[in-house]
Amino acid sequence: MDKFKSKIYSKNKLFLPRPEFYVLYMGKEELPEECEMLSSHFIDSENASIDLTVLNIDIKYNNDFI
């Protein structure tokens, strides 16, 4: 077993990098570049078993698409 697999399949805690989530927006309306909770878009947001903070990024350049 190689060194990496021995770390994954052990009883010790494996530390992972913090994930980041983005929404890339190309629509015609202005979109504020702000973080929002993904669960706010769920039908039953109060009972969500997971929630993510996403950063909205408008990827238009001078009102043109990249």
PDB file of N, CA and C in Angstrom:
ATOM      1  N   MET A   1       0.858  -1.175   0.000  1.00  0.00           N
ATOM      2  CA  MET A   1       0.000   0.000   0.000  1.00  0.00           C
ATOM      3  C   MET A   1       0.904   1.237   0.000  1.00  0.00           C
ATOM      4  N   ASP A   2       0.604   2.178  -0.884  1.00  0.00           N
ATOM      5  CA  ASP A   2       1.459   3.367  -0.941  1.00  0.00           C
ATOM      6  C   ASP A   2       1.167   4.308   0.235  1.00  0.00           C
ATOM      7  N   LYS A   3       2.000   5.320   0.372  1.00  0.00           N
ATOM      8  CA  LYS A   3       1.939   6.229   1.514  1.00  0.00           C
ATOM      9  C   LYS A   3       0.614   6.989   1.590  1.00  0.00           C
ATOM     10  N   PHE A   4       0.066   7.422   0.439  1.00  0.00           N
ATOM     11  CA  PHE A   4      -1.180   8.186   0.422  1.00  0.00           C
ATOM     12  C   PHE A   4      -2.360   7.330   0.889  1.00  0.00           C
ATOM     13  N   LYS A   5      -2.465   6.125   0.363  1.00  0.00           N
ATOM     14  CA  LYS A   5      -3.572   5.247   0.755  1.00  0.00           C
ATOM     15  C   LYS A   5      -3.510   4.895   2.233  1.00  0.00           C
ATOM     16  N   SER A   6      -2.327   4.740   2.759  1.00  0.00           N
ATOM     17  CA  SER A   6      -2.223   4.406   4.179  1.00  0.00           C
ATOM     18  C   SER A   6      -2.713   5.560   5.056  1.00  0.00           C
ATOM     19  N   LYS A   7      -2.624   6.805   4.579  1.00  0.00           N
ATOM     20  CA  LYS A   7      -3.147   7.941   5.332  1.00  0.00           C
ATOM     21  C   LYS A   7      -4.670   8.003   5.243  1.00  0.00           C
ATOM     22  N   ILE A   8      -5.243   7.684   4.092  1.00  0.00           N
ATOM     23  CA  ILE A   8      -6.695   7.746   3.914  1.00  0.00           C
ATOM     24  C   ILE A   8      -7.392   6.650   4.720  1.00  0.00           C
ATOM     25  N   TYR A   9      -6.857   5.452   4.683  1.00  0.00           N
ATOM     26  CA  TYR A   9      -7.516   4.315   5.300  1.00  0.00           C
ATOM     27  C   TYR A   9      -6.990   4.046   6.707  1.00  0.00           C
ATOM     28  N   SER A  10      -6.717   5.085   7.456  1.00  0.00           N
ATOM     29  CA  SER A  10      -6.288   4.908   8.844  1.00  0.00           C
ATOM     30  C   SER A  10      -7.370   5.440   9.769  1.00  0.00           C
ATOM     31  N   LYS A  11      -7.186   5.265  11.040  1.00  0.00           N
ATOM     32  CA  LYS A  11      -8.148   5.761  12.028  1.00  0.00           C
ATOM     33  C   LYS A  11      -7.864   7.202  12.415  1.00  0.00           C
ATOM     34  N   ASN A  12      -6.777   7.759  11.947  1.00  0.00           N
ATOM     35  CA  ASN A  12      -6.417   9.134  12.269  1.00  0.00           C
ATOM     36  C   ASN A  12      -7.235  10.109  11.424  1.00  0.00           C
ATOM     37  N   LYS A  13      -7.490  11.268  11.985  1.00  0.00           N
ATOM     38  CA  LYS A  13      -8.244  12.298  11.265  1.00  0.00           C
ATOM     39  C   LYS A  13      -7.403  12.808  10.092  1.00  0.00           C
ATOM     40  N   LEU A  14      -8.028  12.921   8.946  1.00  0.00           N
ATOM     41  CA  LEU A  14      -7.370  13.431   7.755  1.00  0.00           C
ATOM     42  C   LEU A  14      -7.833  14.862   7.539  1.00  0.00           C
ATOM     43  N   PHE A  15      -6.938  15.813   7.561  1.00  0.00           N
ATOM     44  CA  PHE A  15      -7.288  17.217   7.387  1.00  0.00           C
ATOM     45  C   PHE A  15      -7.346  17.554   5.904  1.00  0.00           C
ATOM     46  N   LEU A  16      -8.412  18.233   5.515  1.00  0.00           N
ATOM     47  CA  LEU A  16      -8.646  18.588   4.116  1.00  0.00           C
ATOM     48  C   LEU A  16      -8.634  20.101   3.962  1.00  0.00           C
ATOM     49  N   PRO A  17      -8.308  20.612   2.785  1.00  0.00           N
ATOM     50  CA  PRO A  17      -8.394  22.056   2.570  1.00  0.00           C
ATOM     51  C   PRO A  17      -9.847  22.514   2.591  1.00  0.00           C
ATOM     52  N   ARG A  18     -10.079  23.746   3.001  1.00  0.00           N
ATOM     53  CA  ARG A  18     -11.427  24.311   3.071  1.00  0.00           C
ATOM     54  C   ARG A  18     -11.955  24.502   1.652  1.00  0.00           C
ATOM     55  N   PRO A  19     -13.122  23.930   1.322  1.00  0.00           N
ATOM     56  CA  PRO A  19     -13.671  24.105  -0.025  1.00  0.00           C
ATOM     57  C   PRO A  19     -14.253  25.505  -0.200  1.00  0.00           C
ATOM     58  N   GLU A  20     -14.244  25.980  -1.427  1.00  0.00           N
ATOM     59  CA  GLU A  20     -14.844  27.266  -1.777  1.00  0.00           C
ATOM     60  C   GLU A  20     -15.807  27.032  -2.934  1.00  0.00           C
ATOM     61  N   PHE A  21     -16.937  27.750  -2.920  1.00  0.00           N
ATOM     62  CA  PHE A  21     -17.974  27.564  -3.923  1.00  0.00           C
ATOM     63  C   PHE A  21     -18.301  28.899  -4.567  1.00  0.00           C
ATOM     64  N   TYR A  22     -18.441  28.891  -5.882  1.00  0.00           N
ATOM     65  CA  TYR A  22     -18.682  30.116  -6.640  1.00  0.00           C
ATOM     66  C   TYR A  22     -19.853  29.920  -7.593  1.00  0.00           C
ATOM     67  N   VAL A  23     -20.576  31.004  -7.852  1.00  0.00           N
ATOM     68  CA  VAL A  23     -21.581  31.049  -8.904  1.00  0.00           C
ATOM     69  C   VAL A  23     -21.052  32.020  -9.950  1.00  0.00           C
ATOM     70  N   LEU A  24     -20.842  31.546 -11.162  1.00  0.00           N
ATOM     71  CA  LEU A  24     -20.381  32.392 -12.261  1.00  0.00           C
ATOM     72  C   LEU A  24     -21.614  32.842 -13.035  1.00  0.00           C
ATOM     73  N   TYR A  25     -21.866  34.135 -13.043  1.00  0.00           N
ATOM     74  CA  TYR A  25     -23.096  34.695 -13.599  1.00  0.00           C
ATOM     75  C   TYR A  25     -22.796  35.432 -14.892  1.00  0.00           C
ATOM     76  N   MET A  26     -23.577  35.128 -15.945  1.00  0.00           N
ATOM     77  CA  MET A  26     -23.413  35.792 -17.237  1.00  0.00           C
ATOM     78  C   MET A  26     -24.711  36.430 -17.708  1.00  0.00           C
ATOM     79  N   GLY A  27     -25.661  36.651 -16.812  1.00  0.00           N
ATOM     80  CA  GLY A  27     -26.959  37.188 -17.194  1.00  0.00           C
ATOM     81  C   GLY A  27     -26.903  38.661 -17.558  1.00  0.00           C
ATOM     82  N   LYS A  28     -28.034  39.193 -17.985  1.00  0.00           N
ATOM     83  CA  LYS A  28     -28.104  40.586 -18.417  1.00  0.00           C
ATOM     84  C   LYS A  28     -28.327  41.541 -17.254  1.00  0.00           C
ATOM     85  N   GLU A  29     -28.936  41.089 -16.175  1.00  0.00           N
ATOM     86  CA  GLU A  29     -29.193  41.942 -15.026  1.00  0.00           C
ATOM     87  C   GLU A  29     -27.935  42.061 -14.167  1.00  0.00           C
ATOM     88  N   GLU A  30     -27.869  43.157 -13.427  1.00  0.00           N
ATOM     89  CA  GLU A  30     -26.741  43.337 -12.516  1.00  0.00           C
ATOM     90  C   GLU A  30     -26.863  42.342 -11.366  1.00  0.00           C
ATOM     91  N   LEU A  31     -25.758  41.787 -10.972  1.00  0.00           N
ATOM     92  CA  LEU A  31     -25.731  40.854  -9.860  1.00  0.00           C
ATOM     93  C   LEU A  31     -24.697  41.349  -8.859  1.00  0.00           C
ATOM     94  N   PRO A  32     -25.106  41.622  -7.630  1.00  0.00           N
ATOM     95  CA  PRO A  32     -24.125  42.071  -6.652  1.00  0.00           C
ATOM     96  C   PRO A  32     -23.150  40.944  -6.325  1.00  0.00           C
ATOM     97  N   GLU A  33     -21.875  41.290  -6.210  1.00  0.00           N
ATOM     98  CA  GLU A  33     -20.869  40.295  -5.864  1.00  0.00           C
ATOM     99  C   GLU A  33     -20.859  40.165  -4.359  1.00  0.00           C
ATOM    100  N   GLU A  34     -21.642  39.253  -3.880  1.00  0.00           N
ATOM    101  CA  GLU A  34     -21.747  39.050  -2.447  1.00  0.00           C
ATOM    102  C   GLU A  34     -21.907  37.574  -2.170  1.00  0.00           C
ATOM    103  N   CYS A  35     -21.623  37.216  -0.963  1.00  0.00           N
ATOM    104  CA  CYS A  35     -21.817  35.834  -0.548  1.00  0.00           C
ATOM    105  C   CYS A  35     -23.260  35.631  -0.148  1.00  0.00           C
ATOM    106  N   GLU A  36     -23.778  34.467  -0.429  1.00  0.00           N
ATOM    107  CA  GLU A  36     -25.128  34.142  -0.004  1.00  0.00           C
ATOM    108  C   GLU A  36     -25.175  32.681   0.389  1.00  0.00           C
ATOM    109  N   MET A  37     -26.147  32.360   1.190  1.00  0.00           N
ATOM    110  CA  MET A  37     -26.318  30.989   1.630  1.00  0.00           C
ATOM    111  C   MET A  37     -27.097  30.227   0.567  1.00  0.00           C
ATOM    112  N   LEU A  38     -26.555  29.113   0.146  1.00  0.00           N
ATOM    113  CA  LEU A  38     -27.198  28.315  -0.890  1.00  0.00           C
ATOM    114  C   LEU A  38     -28.556  27.796  -0.422  1.00  0.00           C
ATOM    115  N   SER A  39     -28.698  27.529   0.862  1.00  0.00           N
ATOM    116  CA  SER A  39     -29.962  26.992   1.378  1.00  0.00           C
ATOM    117  C   SER A  39     -31.107  27.986   1.226  1.00  0.00           C
ATOM    118  N   SER A  40     -30.808  29.262   1.028  1.00  0.00           N
ATOM    119  CA  SER A  40     -31.885  30.233   0.841  1.00  0.00           C
ATOM    120  C   SER A  40     -32.645  29.981  -0.461  1.00  0.00           C
ATOM    121  N   HIS A  41     -32.117  29.136  -1.332  1.00  0.00           N
ATOM    122  CA  HIS A  41     -32.773  28.787  -2.589  1.00  0.00           C
ATOM    123  C   HIS A  41     -33.452  27.419  -2.535  1.00  0.00           C
ATOM    124  N   PHE A  42     -33.356  26.720  -1.408  1.00  0.00           N
ATOM    125  CA  PHE A  42     -34.006  25.429  -1.253  1.00  0.00           C
ATOM    126  C   PHE A  42     -35.493  25.622  -0.977  1.00  0.00           C
ATOM    127  N   ILE A  43     -36.314  24.675  -1.374  1.00  0.00           N
ATOM    128  CA  ILE A  43     -37.749  24.725  -1.100  1.00  0.00           C
ATOM    129  C   ILE A  43     -37.999  24.671   0.400  1.00  0.00           C
ATOM    130  N   ASP A  44     -37.333  23.758   1.087  1.00  0.00           N
ATOM    131  CA  ASP A  44     -37.482  23.614   2.535  1.00  0.00           C
ATOM    132  C   ASP A  44     -36.158  24.000   3.191  1.00  0.00           C
ATOM    133  N   SER A  45     -35.837  25.280   3.198  1.00  0.00           N
ATOM    134  CA  SER A  45     -34.523  25.728   3.642  1.00  0.00           C
ATOM    135  C   SER A  45     -34.302  25.559   5.144  1.00  0.00           C
ATOM    136  N   GLU A  46     -35.366  25.494   5.930  1.00  0.00           N
ATOM    137  CA  GLU A  46     -35.194  25.354   7.381  1.00  0.00           C
ATOM    138  C   GLU A  46     -34.706  23.970   7.772  1.00  0.00           C
ATOM    139  N   ASN A  47     -35.022  22.964   6.979  1.00  0.00           N
ATOM    140  CA  ASN A  47     -34.627  21.592   7.301  1.00  0.00           C
ATOM    141  C   ASN A  47     -33.508  21.087   6.406  1.00  0.00           C
ATOM    142  N   ALA A  48     -32.699  21.976   5.878  1.00  0.00           N
ATOM    143  CA  ALA A  48     -31.599  21.567   4.997  1.00  0.00           C
ATOM    144  C   ALA A  48     -30.539  20.819   5.810  1.00  0.00           C
ATOM    145  N   SER A  49     -30.071  19.719   5.280  1.00  0.00           N
ATOM    146  CA  SER A  49     -29.054  18.950   5.986  1.00  0.00           C
ATOM    147  C   SER A  49     -27.644  19.452   5.680  1.00  0.00           C
ATOM    148  N   ILE A  50     -27.528  20.357   4.705  1.00  0.00           N
ATOM    149  CA  ILE A  50     -26.236  20.951   4.376  1.00  0.00           C
ATOM    150  C   ILE A  50     -26.483  22.381   3.922  1.00  0.00           C
ATOM    151  N   ASP A  51     -25.511  23.220   4.177  1.00  0.00           N
ATOM    152  CA  ASP A  51     -25.610  24.600   3.712  1.00  0.00           C
ATOM    153  C   ASP A  51     -24.224  25.055   3.277  1.00  0.00           C
ATOM    154  N   LEU A  52     -24.187  25.856   2.248  1.00  0.00           N
ATOM    155  CA  LEU A  52     -22.933  26.355   1.703  1.00  0.00           C
ATOM    156  C   LEU A  52     -23.014  27.859   1.549  1.00  0.00           C
ATOM    157  N   THR A  53     -21.905  28.519   1.725  1.00  0.00           N
ATOM    158  CA  THR A  53     -21.809  29.928   1.400  1.00  0.00           C
ATOM    159  C   THR A  53     -21.168  30.018   0.028  1.00  0.00           C
ATOM    160  N   VAL A  54     -21.853  30.679  -0.903  1.00  0.00           N
ATOM    161  CA  VAL A  54     -21.332  30.802  -2.259  1.00  0.00           C
ATOM    162  C   VAL A  54     -21.069  32.265  -2.569  1.00  0.00           C
ATOM    163  N   LEU A  55     -20.071  32.514  -3.384  1.00  0.00           N
ATOM    164  CA  LEU A  55     -19.720  33.861  -3.814  1.00  0.00           C
ATOM    165  C   LEU A  55     -20.201  34.042  -5.242  1.00  0.00           C
ATOM    166  N   ASN A  56     -21.020  35.058  -5.475  1.00  0.00           N
ATOM    167  CA  ASN A  56     -21.492  35.378  -6.821  1.00  0.00           C
ATOM    168  C   ASN A  56     -20.408  36.160  -7.552  1.00  0.00           C
ATOM    169  N   ILE A  57     -20.080  35.736  -8.767  1.00  0.00           N
ATOM    170  CA  ILE A  57     -19.087  36.433  -9.581  1.00  0.00           C
ATOM    171  C   ILE A  57     -19.703  36.719 -10.940  1.00  0.00           C
ATOM    172  N   ASP A  58     -19.797  37.995 -11.278  1.00  0.00           N
ATOM    173  CA  ASP A  58     -20.311  38.416 -12.582  1.00  0.00           C
ATOM    174  C   ASP A  58     -19.144  38.348 -13.567  1.00  0.00           C
ATOM    175  N   ILE A  59     -19.234  37.485 -14.574  1.00  0.00           N
ATOM    176  CA  ILE A  59     -18.094  37.277 -15.468  1.00  0.00           C
ATOM    177  C   ILE A  59     -18.228  37.994 -16.794  1.00  0.00           C
ATOM    178  N   LYS A  60     -19.132  38.980 -16.868  1.00  0.00           N
ATOM    179  CA  LYS A  60     -19.206  39.803 -18.072  1.00  0.00           C
ATOM    180  C   LYS A  60     -18.098  40.853 -18.014  1.00  0.00           C
ATOM    181  N   TYR A  61     -17.612  41.252 -19.155  1.00  0.00           N
ATOM    182  CA  TYR A  61     -16.576  42.278 -19.238  1.00  0.00           C
ATOM    183  C   TYR A  61     -17.110  43.392 -20.143  1.00  0.00           C
ATOM    184  N   ASN A  62     -17.305  44.590 -19.593  1.00  0.00           N
ATOM    185  CA  ASN A  62     -17.846  45.724 -20.339  1.00  0.00           C
ATOM    186  C   ASN A  62     -19.157  45.378 -21.052  1.00  0.00           C
ATOM    187  N   ASN A  63     -20.056  44.723 -20.308  1.00  0.00           N
ATOM    188  CA  ASN A  63     -21.365  44.309 -20.831  1.00  0.00           C
ATOM    189  C   ASN A  63     -21.266  43.304 -21.977  1.00  0.00           C
ATOM    190  N   ASP A  64     -20.115  42.740 -22.200  1.00  0.00           N
ATOM    191  CA  ASP A  64     -19.930  41.664 -23.173  1.00  0.00           C
ATOM    192  C   ASP A  64     -19.622  40.385 -22.417  1.00  0.00           C
ATOM    193  N   PHE A  65     -19.929  39.274 -23.022  1.00  0.00           N
ATOM    194  CA  PHE A  65     -19.601  38.005 -22.399  1.00  0.00           C
ATOM    195  C   PHE A  65     -18.140  37.685 -22.654  1.00  0.00           C
ATOM    196  N   ILE A  66     -17.527  37.048 -21.683  1.00  0.00           N
ATOM    197  CA  ILE A  66     -16.121  36.667 -21.815  1.00  0.00           C
ATOM    198  C   ILE A  66     -16.040  35.499 -22.764  1.00  0.00           C
TER     199      ILE A  66
END
